[in-house]
C-alpha atoms as a PDB file:
ATOM      1  CA  MET A   1    -131.860 -76.734-224.648  1.00  0.00           C
ATOM      2  CA  SER A   2    -133.445 -74.569-226.989  1.00  0.00           C
ATOM      3  CA  ARG A   3    -132.775 -73.912-230.670  1.00  0.00           C
ATOM      4  CA  ALA A   4    -130.175 -71.417-231.727  1.00  0.00           C
ATOM      5  CA  ALA A   5    -128.703 -70.352-234.786  1.00  0.00           C
ATOM      6  CA  LEU A   6    -126.698 -72.769-236.930  1.00  0.00           C
ATOM      7  CA  ALA A   7    -122.842 -73.337-236.008  1.00  0.00           C
ATOM      8  CA  PRO A   8    -119.994 -73.924-238.590  1.00  0.00           C
ATOM      9  CA  PRO A   9    -118.632 -77.640-238.590  1.00  0.00           C
ATOM     10  CA  PRO A  10    -116.448 -78.787-235.693  1.00  0.00           C
ATOM     11  CA  PRO A  11    -113.454 -78.475-235.541  1.00  0.00           C
ATOM     12  CA  ASP A  12    -111.325 -82.090-236.367  1.00  0.00           C
ATOM     13  CA  ASP A  13    -109.458 -82.840-233.245  1.00  0.00           C
ATOM     14  CA  PHE A  14    -112.314 -82.786-230.674  1.00  0.00           C
ATOM     15  CA  ASP A  15    -112.319 -85.635-228.657  1.00  0.00           C
ATOM     16  CA  VAL A  16    -115.454 -86.544-226.167  1.00  0.00           C
ATOM     17  CA  ASP A  17    -112.686 -87.131-223.259  1.00  0.00           C
ATOM     18  CA  GLN A  18    -112.216 -83.620-223.214  1.00  0.00           C
ATOM     19  CA  LEU A  19    -116.080 -83.205-222.196  1.00  0.00           C
ATOM     20  CA  PHE A  20    -114.925 -83.736-218.338  1.00  0.00           C
ATOM     21  CA  GLN A  21    -111.148 -82.488-218.623  1.00  0.00           C
ATOM     22  CA  LEU A  22    -112.349 -78.530-216.740  1.00  0.00           C
ATOM     23  CA  GLU A  23    -109.745 -76.310-216.903  1.00  0.00           C
ATOM     24  CA  THR A  24    -109.206 -74.349-213.310  1.00  0.00           C
ATOM     25  CA  LEU A  25    -109.540 -70.233-214.222  1.00  0.00           C
ATOM     26  CA  ASP A  26    -109.564 -69.345-210.525  1.00  0.00           C
ATOM     27  CA  ARG A  27    -110.951 -70.864-207.555  1.00  0.00           C
ATOM     28  CA  ASP A  28    -114.441 -72.015-207.690  1.00  0.00           C
ATOM     29  CA  ILE A  29    -114.514 -70.569-211.850  1.00  0.00           C
ATOM     30  CA  PHE A  30    -113.507 -73.488-213.752  1.00  0.00           C
ATOM     31  CA  ARG A  31    -114.171 -73.395-218.116  1.00  0.00           C
ATOM     32  CA  GLY A  32    -115.330 -76.528-220.328  1.00  0.00           C
ATOM     33  CA  LEU A  33    -115.407 -77.064-223.928  1.00  0.00           C
ATOM     34  CA  SER A  34    -118.585 -78.128-225.739  1.00  0.00           C
ATOM     35  CA  GLN A  35    -118.954 -81.170-228.169  1.00  0.00           C
ATOM     36  CA  TRP A  36    -120.237 -79.400-231.348  1.00  0.00           C
ATOM     37  CA  SER A  37    -124.054 -79.025-232.087  1.00  0.00           C
ATOM     38  CA  VAL A  38    -126.128 -77.458-235.324  1.00  0.00           C
ATOM     39  CA  ARG A  39    -127.575 -75.708-233.302  1.00  0.00           C
ATOM     40  CA  SER A  40    -127.190 -75.198-229.312  1.00  0.00           C
ATOM     41  CA  VAL A  41    -124.965 -77.379-226.454  1.00  0.00           C
ATOM     42  CA  PHE A  42    -126.550 -80.134-225.750  1.00  0.00           C
ATOM     43  CA  GLY A  43    -128.278 -79.340-221.994  1.00  0.00           C
ATOM     44  CA  GLY A  44    -126.472 -83.019-220.674  1.00  0.00           C
ATOM     45  CA  GLN A  45    -123.536 -81.693-221.161  1.00  0.00           C
ATOM     46  CA  VAL A  46    -123.918 -78.574-219.232  1.00  0.00           C
ATOM     47  CA  ILE A  47    -125.503 -80.594-216.357  1.00  0.00           C
ATOM     48  CA  GLY A  48    -122.387 -83.123-216.006  1.00  0.00           C
ATOM     49  CA  GLN A  49    -119.808 -80.055-216.490  1.00  0.00           C
ATOM     50  CA  ALA A  50    -122.188 -78.392-213.759  1.00  0.00           C
ATOM     51  CA  LEU A  51    -121.593 -81.456-210.824  1.00  0.00           C
ATOM     52  CA  LEU A  52    -118.422 -81.802-212.123  1.00  0.00           C
ATOM     53  CA  ALA A  53    -117.370 -78.302-211.202  1.00  0.00           C
ATOM     54  CA  ALA A  54    -119.417 -78.219-208.184  1.00  0.00           C
ATOM     55  CA  SER A  55    -117.663 -81.473-207.136  1.00  0.00           C
ATOM     56  CA  LEU A  56    -113.967 -79.864-207.396  1.00  0.00           C
ATOM     57  CA  THR A  57    -115.236 -77.337-204.768  1.00  0.00           C
ATOM     58  CA  ILE A  58    -115.600 -80.337-202.542  1.00  0.00           C
ATOM     59  CA  GLU A  59    -113.053 -81.571-200.787  1.00  0.00           C
ATOM     60  CA  ASP A  60    -114.131 -84.466-198.477  1.00  0.00           C
ATOM     61  CA  ASP A  61    -113.717 -87.407-201.425  1.00  0.00           C
ATOM     62  CA  ALA A  62    -116.466 -89.450-198.523  1.00  0.00           C
ATOM     63  CA  ARG A  63    -118.628 -86.378-200.180  1.00  0.00           C
ATOM     64  CA  PRO A  64    -120.501 -87.501-203.484  1.00  0.00           C
ATOM     65  CA  ALA A  65    -123.277 -85.618-204.674  1.00  0.00           C
ATOM     66  CA  HIS A  66    -126.602 -86.900-203.932  1.00  0.00           C
ATOM     67  CA  SER A  67    -129.227 -84.180-205.483  1.00  0.00           C
ATOM     68  CA  LEU A  68    -129.006 -81.313-208.173  1.00  0.00           C
ATOM     69  CA  HIS A  69    -131.679 -79.429-209.611  1.00  0.00           C
ATOM     70  CA  ALA A  70    -131.175 -77.218-212.825  1.00  0.00           C
ATOM     71  CA  TYR A  71    -132.744 -74.472-214.921  1.00  0.00           C
ATOM     72  CA  PHE A  72    -132.344 -74.004-217.966  1.00  0.00           C
ATOM     73  CA  LEU A  73    -131.996 -70.226-219.428  1.00  0.00           C
ATOM     74  CA  ARG A  74    -130.105 -69.653-222.309  1.00  0.00           C
ATOM     75  CA  PRO A  75    -129.579 -71.903-225.866  1.00  0.00           C
ATOM     76  CA  GLY A  76    -125.699 -72.692-224.903  1.00  0.00           C
ATOM     77  CA  ASP A  77    -123.286 -70.955-228.298  1.00  0.00           C
ATOM     78  CA  PRO A  78    -121.836 -74.983-229.117  1.00  0.00           C
ATOM     79  CA  ASN A  79    -118.723 -72.926-230.498  1.00  0.00           C
ATOM     80  CA  ALA A  80    -117.475 -70.977-226.840  1.00  0.00           C
ATOM     81  CA  PRO A  81    -116.345 -72.410-224.095  1.00  0.00           C
ATOM     82  CA  ILE A  82    -118.507 -72.581-220.622  1.00  0.00           C
ATOM     83  CA  VAL A  83    -117.428 -70.601-217.785  1.00  0.00           C
ATOM     84  CA  TYR A  84    -118.978 -72.139-214.358  1.00  0.00           C
ATOM     85  CA  TYR A  85    -119.014 -69.545-211.142  1.00  0.00           C
ATOM     86  CA  ILE A  86    -119.347 -71.787-208.009  1.00  0.00           C
ATOM     87  CA  GLU A  87    -120.677 -70.253-204.562  1.00  0.00           C
ATOM     88  CA  ARG A  88    -120.231 -72.117-201.613  1.00  0.00           C
ATOM     89  CA  ILE A  89    -123.438 -72.333-200.174  1.00  0.00           C
ATOM     90  CA  ARG A  90    -122.469 -74.374-196.993  1.00  0.00           C
ATOM     91  CA  ASN A  91    -120.299 -76.967-195.853  1.00  0.00           C
ATOM     92  CA  GLY A  92    -121.972 -78.961-192.713  1.00  0.00           C
ATOM     93  CA  ARG A  93    -120.887 -81.830-190.746  1.00  0.00           C
ATOM     94  CA  SER A  94    -122.891 -84.287-193.185  1.00  0.00           C
ATOM     95  CA  PHE A  95    -124.188 -81.925-196.082  1.00  0.00           C
ATOM     96  CA  SER A  96    -122.327 -79.422-198.210  1.00  0.00           C
ATOM     97  CA  THR A  97    -124.393 -76.902-200.501  1.00  0.00           C
ATOM     98  CA  ARG A  98    -123.100 -75.775-204.001  1.00  0.00           C
ATOM     99  CA  ARG A  99    -124.848 -73.260-205.966  1.00  0.00           C
ATOM    100  CA  ILE A 100    -123.524 -73.235-210.064  1.00  0.00           C
ATOM    101  CA  VAL A 101    -123.748 -70.398-212.831  1.00  0.00           C
ATOM    102  CA  ALA A 102    -122.695 -71.187-216.447  1.00  0.00           C
ATOM    103  CA  VAL A 103    -122.220 -67.978-218.363  1.00  0.00           C
ATOM    104  CA  GLN A 104    -121.323 -67.640-221.993  1.00  0.00           C
ATOM    105  CA  HIS A 105    -120.713 -64.132-223.769  1.00  0.00           C
ATOM    106  CA  GLY A 106    -121.283 -62.450-220.434  1.00  0.00           C
ATOM    107  CA  GLU A 107    -124.415 -63.938-219.543  1.00  0.00           C
ATOM    108  CA  PRO A 108    -126.010 -67.051-217.684  1.00  0.00           C
ATOM    109  CA  ILE A 109    -127.390 -69.485-219.659  1.00  0.00           C
ATOM    110  CA  PHE A 110    -127.735 -72.075-216.929  1.00  0.00           C
ATOM    111  CA  ASN A 111    -128.121 -72.186-213.148  1.00  0.00           C
ATOM    112  CA  MET A 112    -127.876 -75.318-210.745  1.00  0.00           C
ATOM    113  CA  ASP A 113    -128.081 -75.744-207.193  1.00  0.00           C
ATOM    114  CA  ALA A 114    -125.989 -79.232-205.654  1.00  0.00           C
ATOM    115  CA  SER A 115    -126.087 -81.063-202.378  1.00  0.00           C
ATOM    116  CA  PHE A 116    -123.455 -83.453-201.263  1.00  0.00           C
ATOM    117  CA  HIS A 117    -123.940 -85.839-198.230  1.00  0.00           C
ATOM    118  CA  LEU A 118    -121.406 -88.199-196.213  1.00  0.00           C
ATOM    119  CA  HIS A 119    -122.570 -91.346-196.577  1.00  0.00           C
ATOM    120  CA  GLU A 120    -124.724 -92.956-193.796  1.00  0.00           C
ATOM    121  CA  GLU A 121    -126.415 -95.719-193.019  1.00  0.00           C
ATOM    122  CA  GLY A 122    -130.263 -96.164-193.232  1.00  0.00           C
ATOM    123  CA  LEU A 123    -133.778 -97.750-194.020  1.00  0.00           C
ATOM    124  CA  GLU A 124    -133.662 -98.917-197.312  1.00  0.00           C
ATOM    125  CA  TYR A 125    -136.109 -99.843-199.729  1.00  0.00           C
ATOM    126  CA  GLN A 126    -137.017-100.000-203.891  1.00  0.00           C
ATOM    127  CA  MET A 127    -138.606-100.770-206.693  1.00  0.00           C
ATOM    128  CA  PRO A 128    -137.894-103.383-208.318  1.00  0.00           C
ATOM    129  CA  MET A 129    -136.339-103.358-212.230  1.00  0.00           C
ATOM    130  CA  PRO A 130    -138.209-104.111-214.879  1.00  0.00           C
ATOM    131  CA  ASP A 131    -137.923-107.410-216.674  1.00  0.00           C
ATOM    132  CA  VAL A 132    -136.518-106.383-220.670  1.00  0.00           C
ATOM    133  CA  THR A 133    -133.964-107.836-223.006  1.00  0.00           C
ATOM    134  CA  PRO A 134    -130.546-107.496-221.986  1.00  0.00           C
ATOM    135  CA  PRO A 135    -127.790-105.497-223.878  1.00  0.00           C
ATOM    136  CA  GLU A 136    -126.142-108.207-225.443  1.00  0.00           C
ATOM    137  CA  GLU A 137    -129.030-109.259-227.678  1.00  0.00           C
ATOM    138  CA  LEU A 138    -130.172-105.622-228.852  1.00  0.00           C
ATOM    139  CA  ARG A 139    -128.532-103.283-231.848  1.00  0.00           C
ATOM    140  CA  SER A 140    -127.006 -99.974-230.476  1.00  0.00           C
ATOM    141  CA  GLU A 141    -128.314 -96.828-230.871  1.00  0.00           C
ATOM    142  CA  SER A 142    -125.371 -95.668-233.598  1.00  0.00           C
ATOM    143  CA  ASP A 143    -125.847 -98.824-235.574  1.00  0.00           C
ATOM    144  CA  LEU A 144    -129.879 -97.320-235.764  1.00  0.00           C
ATOM    145  CA  ARG A 145    -129.006 -94.016-236.304  1.00  0.00           C
ATOM    146  CA  GLY A 146    -126.245 -95.016-239.616  1.00  0.00           C
ATOM    147  CA  GLU A 147    -129.515 -96.582-241.521  1.00  0.00           C
ATOM    148  CA  TYR A 148    -131.217 -92.817-241.447  1.00  0.00           C
ATOM    149  CA  ALA A 149    -128.498 -90.588-242.023  1.00  0.00           C
ATOM    150  CA  ASP A 150    -128.853 -90.947-245.894  1.00  0.00           C
ATOM    151  CA  ARG A 151    -132.100 -88.705-245.120  1.00  0.00           C
ATOM    152  CA  LEU A 152    -130.616 -85.922-243.427  1.00  0.00           C
ATOM    153  CA  PRO A 153    -128.744 -83.143-244.995  1.00  0.00           C
ATOM    154  CA  PRO A 154    -124.947 -83.156-244.598  1.00  0.00           C
ATOM    155  CA  GLN A 155    -124.716 -80.481-241.088  1.00  0.00           C
ATOM    156  CA  VAL A 156    -126.842 -82.284-239.895  1.00  0.00           C
ATOM    157  CA  ARG A 157    -125.653 -85.661-240.939  1.00  0.00           C
ATOM    158  CA  GLU A 158    -122.785 -85.039-238.669  1.00  0.00           C
ATOM    159  CA  MET A 159    -123.864 -84.257-235.884  1.00  0.00           C
ATOM    160  CA  PHE A 160    -126.074 -87.529-235.682  1.00  0.00           C
ATOM    161  CA  LEU A 161    -123.531 -89.733-236.672  1.00  0.00           C
ATOM    162  CA  ARG A 162    -120.750 -87.750-233.851  1.00  0.00           C
ATOM    163  CA  PRO A 163    -119.312 -90.184-231.193  1.00  0.00           C
ATOM    164  CA  ARG A 164    -120.620 -89.661-227.606  1.00  0.00           C
ATOM    165  CA  PRO A 165    -119.431 -90.513-224.334  1.00  0.00           C
ATOM    166  CA  VAL A 166    -122.089 -93.027-223.749  1.00  0.00           C
ATOM    167  CA  GLU A 167    -123.200 -95.755-225.771  1.00  0.00           C
ATOM    168  CA  LEU A 168    -126.897 -96.863-225.640  1.00  0.00           C
ATOM    169  CA  ARG A 169    -128.998 -99.745-226.823  1.00  0.00           C
ATOM    170  CA  PRO A 170    -132.804 -99.224-227.222  1.00  0.00           C
ATOM    171  CA  VAL A 171    -134.716-102.260-225.911  1.00  0.00           C
ATOM    172  CA  GLU A 172    -137.978-100.942-227.865  1.00  0.00           C
ATOM    173  CA  PRO A 173    -136.536 -98.985-230.866  1.00  0.00           C
ATOM    174  CA  TYR A 174    -138.568 -97.256-233.122  1.00  0.00           C
ATOM    175  CA  ASP A 175    -138.575 -94.954-236.840  1.00  0.00           C
ATOM    176  CA  LEU A 176    -137.282 -91.515-235.932  1.00  0.00           C
ATOM    177  CA  PHE A 177    -138.526 -90.289-239.486  1.00  0.00           C
ATOM    178  CA  ASN A 178    -142.473 -92.322-238.755  1.00  0.00           C
ATOM    179  CA  PRO A 179    -143.183 -93.268-235.902  1.00  0.00           C
ATOM    180  CA  GLU A 180    -146.321 -95.141-234.279  1.00  0.00           C
ATOM    181  CA  PRO A 181    -147.994 -93.447-231.615  1.00  0.00           C
ATOM    182  CA  LYS A 182    -147.202 -95.754-228.370  1.00  0.00           C
ATOM    183  CA  GLU A 183    -147.611 -95.916-224.394  1.00  0.00           C
ATOM    184  CA  PRO A 184    -144.782 -93.006-223.033  1.00  0.00           C
ATOM    185  CA  LEU A 185    -142.468 -95.327-221.085  1.00  0.00           C
ATOM    186  CA  ARG A 186    -139.051 -96.820-222.716  1.00  0.00           C
ATOM    187  CA  HIS A 187    -136.375 -98.176-221.710  1.00  0.00           C
ATOM    188  CA  GLN A 188    -132.534 -98.595-222.945  1.00  0.00           C
ATOM    189  CA  TRP A 189    -129.269 -99.614-221.655  1.00  0.00           C
ATOM    190  CA  MET A 190    -126.133 -97.370-221.745  1.00  0.00           C
ATOM    191  CA  ARG A 191    -122.767 -97.446-220.479  1.00  0.00           C
ATOM    192  CA  SER A 192    -119.506 -95.063-220.414  1.00  0.00           C
ATOM    193  CA  THR A 193    -117.434 -95.195-223.884  1.00  0.00           C
ATOM    194  CA  ILE A 194    -114.621 -93.447-221.755  1.00  0.00           C
ATOM    195  CA  ALA A 195    -112.234 -94.507-219.301  1.00  0.00           C
ATOM    196  CA  LEU A 196    -114.032 -93.495-215.831  1.00  0.00           C
ATOM    197  CA  GLY A 197    -111.480 -95.200-213.723  1.00  0.00           C
ATOM    198  CA  ASP A 198    -112.772 -95.320-209.902  1.00  0.00           C
ATOM    199  CA  ASP A 199    -113.552 -91.389-209.516  1.00  0.00           C
ATOM    200  CA  PRO A 200    -117.100 -91.270-208.020  1.00  0.00           C
ATOM    201  CA  ARG A 201    -117.286 -87.311-208.941  1.00  0.00           C
ATOM    202  CA  LEU A 202    -116.708 -88.228-212.724  1.00  0.00           C
ATOM    203  CA  GLN A 203    -118.894 -91.156-212.357  1.00  0.00           C
ATOM    204  CA  GLN A 204    -121.667 -89.138-211.531  1.00  0.00           C
ATOM    205  CA  ALA A 205    -121.000 -86.183-213.946  1.00  0.00           C
ATOM    206  CA  LEU A 206    -121.391 -88.250-216.686  1.00  0.00           C
ATOM    207  CA  LEU A 207    -124.496 -90.281-215.292  1.00  0.00           C
ATOM    208  CA  ALA A 208    -126.039 -86.356-215.355  1.00  0.00           C
ATOM    209  CA  TYR A 209    -125.114 -86.093-219.116  1.00  0.00           C
ATOM    210  CA  ALA A 210    -126.544 -89.156-219.896  1.00  0.00           C
ATOM    211  CA  SER A 211    -129.685 -88.639-218.036  1.00  0.00           C
ATOM    212  CA  ASP A 212    -130.363 -85.967-220.575  1.00  0.00           C
ATOM    213  CA  MET A 213    -130.346 -87.976-223.394  1.00  0.00           C
ATOM    214  CA  SER A 214    -134.259 -89.276-224.849  1.00  0.00           C
ATOM    215  CA  LEU A 215    -135.858 -88.054-221.134  1.00  0.00           C
ATOM    216  CA  MET A 216    -137.470 -85.160-223.119  1.00  0.00           C
ATOM    217  CA  GLY A 217    -138.762 -87.110-225.598  1.00  0.00           C
ATOM    218  CA  THR A 218    -140.822 -89.580-223.872  1.00  0.00           C
ATOM    219  CA  SER A 219    -143.367 -87.097-223.535  1.00  0.00           C
ATOM    220  CA  MET A 220    -143.602 -87.654-227.754  1.00  0.00           C
ATOM    221  CA  LEU A 221    -144.648 -91.186-227.717  1.00  0.00           C
ATOM    222  CA  PRO A 222    -147.882 -90.910-227.802  1.00  0.00           C
ATOM    223  CA  HIS A 223    -148.148 -88.754-230.430  1.00  0.00           C
ATOM    224  CA  GLY A 224    -146.281 -90.211-232.682  1.00  0.00           C
ATOM    225  CA  ILE A 225    -143.605 -87.202-233.144  1.00  0.00           C
ATOM    226  CA  THR A 226    -139.682 -87.175-232.621  1.00  0.00           C
ATOM    227  CA  PHE A 227    -136.809 -84.354-233.082  1.00  0.00           C
ATOM    228  CA  MET A 228    -136.773 -85.163-236.854  1.00  0.00           C
ATOM    229  CA  LYS A 229    -140.390 -84.163-236.999  1.00  0.00           C
ATOM    230  CA  ARG A 230    -140.923 -81.008-239.086  1.00  0.00           C
ATOM    231  CA  GLY A 231    -142.779 -78.308-237.014  1.00  0.00           C
ATOM    232  CA  TYR A 232    -141.346 -79.649-233.925  1.00  0.00           C
ATOM    233  CA  PHE A 233    -139.776 -77.408-231.633  1.00  0.00           C
ATOM    234  CA  GLY A 234    -138.211 -78.019-228.040  1.00  0.00           C
ATOM    235  CA  ALA A 235    -136.418 -77.471-225.267  1.00  0.00           C
ATOM    236  CA  SER A 236    -135.295 -78.337-221.795  1.00  0.00           C
ATOM    237  CA  LEU A 237    -136.710 -75.991-219.097  1.00  0.00           C
ATOM    238  CA  ASP A 238    -135.228 -78.000-215.962  1.00  0.00           C
ATOM    239  CA  HIS A 239    -133.716 -80.788-214.701  1.00  0.00           C
ATOM    240  CA  ALA A 240    -133.428 -82.990-211.221  1.00  0.00           C
ATOM    241  CA  MET A 241    -131.447 -85.621-210.345  1.00  0.00           C
ATOM    242  CA  TRP A 242    -131.028 -88.302-207.321  1.00  0.00           C
ATOM    243  CA  PHE A 243    -127.934 -90.238-206.692  1.00  0.00           C
ATOM    244  CA  HIS A 244    -129.190 -93.455-204.398  1.00  0.00           C
ATOM    245  CA  ARG A 245    -126.523 -95.400-204.560  1.00  0.00           C
ATOM    246  CA  ASP A 246    -122.974 -95.708-206.049  1.00  0.00           C
ATOM    247  CA  PHE A 247    -122.457 -97.322-209.572  1.00  0.00           C
ATOM    248  CA  ASP A 248    -120.200 -97.633-212.290  1.00  0.00           C
ATOM    249  CA  LEU A 249    -121.132 -96.520-215.392  1.00  0.00           C
ATOM    250  CA  GLN A 250    -118.230 -98.939-217.420  1.00  0.00           C
ATOM    251  CA  ASP A 251    -121.008-101.110-217.187  1.00  0.00           C
ATOM    252  CA  TRP A 252    -124.300-101.203-218.347  1.00  0.00           C
ATOM    253  CA  LEU A 253    -127.278 -99.704-216.740  1.00  0.00           C
ATOM    254  CA  LEU A 254    -131.410 -99.790-217.669  1.00  0.00           C
ATOM    255  CA  TYR A 255    -132.597 -96.778-217.891  1.00  0.00           C
ATOM    256  CA  VAL A 256    -136.384 -96.686-217.568  1.00  0.00           C
ATOM    257  CA  ASN A 257    -138.310 -93.286-218.838  1.00  0.00           C
ATOM    258  CA  ASP A 258    -141.912 -92.269-218.829  1.00  0.00           C
ATOM    259  CA  SER A 259    -144.205 -89.504-218.916  1.00  0.00           C
ATOM    260  CA  PRO A 260    -147.034 -89.170-216.846  1.00  0.00           C
ATOM    261  CA  VAL A 261    -148.398 -85.664-218.449  1.00  0.00           C
ATOM    262  CA  ALA A 262    -147.961 -83.705-221.285  1.00  0.00           C
ATOM    263  CA  HIS A 263    -149.869 -80.163-220.863  1.00  0.00           C
ATOM    264  CA  GLY A 264    -149.969 -76.654-221.742  1.00  0.00           C
ATOM    265  CA  ALA A 265    -146.934 -76.760-224.099  1.00  0.00           C
ATOM    266  CA  ARG A 266    -144.819 -78.892-221.514  1.00  0.00           C
ATOM    267  CA  GLY A 267    -144.062 -82.866-221.041  1.00  0.00           C
ATOM    268  CA  TYR A 268    -143.182 -83.417-217.985  1.00  0.00           C
ATOM    269  CA  ASN A 269    -140.831 -86.704-217.672  1.00  0.00           C
ATOM    270  CA  ARG A 270    -139.372 -89.115-214.970  1.00  0.00           C
ATOM    271  CA  GLY A 271    -136.177 -91.256-215.298  1.00  0.00           C
ATOM    272  CA  LEU A 272    -134.883 -94.461-213.070  1.00  0.00           C
ATOM    273  CA  PHE A 273    -131.514 -96.245-213.469  1.00  0.00           C
ATOM    274  CA  TYR A 274    -130.647 -99.523-212.557  1.00  0.00           C
ATOM    275  CA  THR A 275    -127.191-102.187-212.343  1.00  0.00           C
ATOM    276  CA  ARG A 276    -127.620-105.281-214.573  1.00  0.00           C
ATOM    277  CA  ASP A 277    -128.544-106.787-211.030  1.00  0.00           C
ATOM    278  CA  GLY A 278    -131.248-104.814-210.337  1.00  0.00           C
ATOM    279  CA  ALA A 279    -130.126-102.411-207.750  1.00  0.00           C
ATOM    280  CA  LEU A 280    -131.732 -98.364-208.295  1.00  0.00           C
ATOM    281  CA  VAL A 281    -128.874 -96.420-208.077  1.00  0.00           C
ATOM    282  CA  ALA A 282    -130.528 -92.050-209.572  1.00  0.00           C
ATOM    283  CA  SER A 283    -133.570 -90.995-210.419  1.00  0.00           C
ATOM    284  CA  THR A 284    -134.119 -88.488-212.279  1.00  0.00           C
ATOM    285  CA  MET A 285    -137.085 -85.500-213.837  1.00  0.00           C
ATOM    286  CA  GLN A 286    -137.192 -82.937-216.498  1.00  0.00           C
ATOM    287  CA  GLU A 287    -139.990 -80.481-217.968  1.00  0.00           C
ATOM    288  CA  GLY A 288    -139.318 -79.716-221.192  1.00  0.00           C
ATOM    289  CA  LEU A 289    -141.108 -77.143-224.165  1.00  0.00           C
ATOM    290  CA  VAL A 290    -142.862 -79.402-226.432  1.00  0.00           C
ATOM    291  CA  ARG A 291    -144.503 -77.447-229.464  1.00  0.00           C
ATOM    292  CA  TYR A 292    -145.648 -78.861-232.310  1.00  0.00           C
ATOM    293  CA  ARG A 293    -147.182 -77.311-235.059  1.00  0.00           C
ATOM    294  CA  PRO A 294    -147.875 -78.764-238.746  1.00  0.00           C
ATOM    295  CA  PRO A 295    -146.438 -77.249-241.874  1.00  0.00           C
ATOM    296  CA  SER A 296    -149.439 -76.723-243.403  1.00  0.00           C
ATOM    297  CA  GLU A 297    -150.826 -74.556-240.746  1.00  0.00           C
END
């Protein structure tokens, strides 16, 4: 999501598990807390919480989400809770549809449609998983971030090193401050750092959260710029996701990102999620606003 004013430091007792512990305010109205951020709420958090809120209105446990389509409308305030209003658009024999609006300070910051599908047998096909280095042979992103921490202001450093509900292990790590231009393609392994159990709603919500991690930055790789570059401004505009198969995010998933095009100050990005044994379990797409003006201009 786009950048807002600098936020004050976070409370000391915040736990990332709280991100997916929604409070029920009334029928089809839920409230979620935010993890602290220097400027605005992480977009993946809003996607994940919105999907979880919608899934709580689906009475049939055998009807998980199969797709979502979302738009980011305003930057989220990390110091205020987010209220999610769910509209039950349709309950059919095989599909259920929900519309979700996320509100802060009386204004919508995000809206999303989500569809839920009763499992059916049918034709099957998938693209094969790329052959990459396994996660056990890679360093975690948190370790890599620690090497850059002393180059950041204290407040930004605290956000940069904060605990997250998902661990990442990039296959092709690069210097966040001085990256070399490269092909808009990257691979990273991910898994949950919080207990999920076998609840498919929580599994899908966390994967939706994780789908926004690193995605928009893929379109910046050919230009050798990152979120740490001065003169950069970025904001997620929209986000779509499809769930193809069951998965367990407590085990490693491979996240494959590519960006076919960037034009008109917008970068278009895609993602595929594979299990360790090669099953394609989910896909995602996002367009992001990417503006870069060198500081000398």
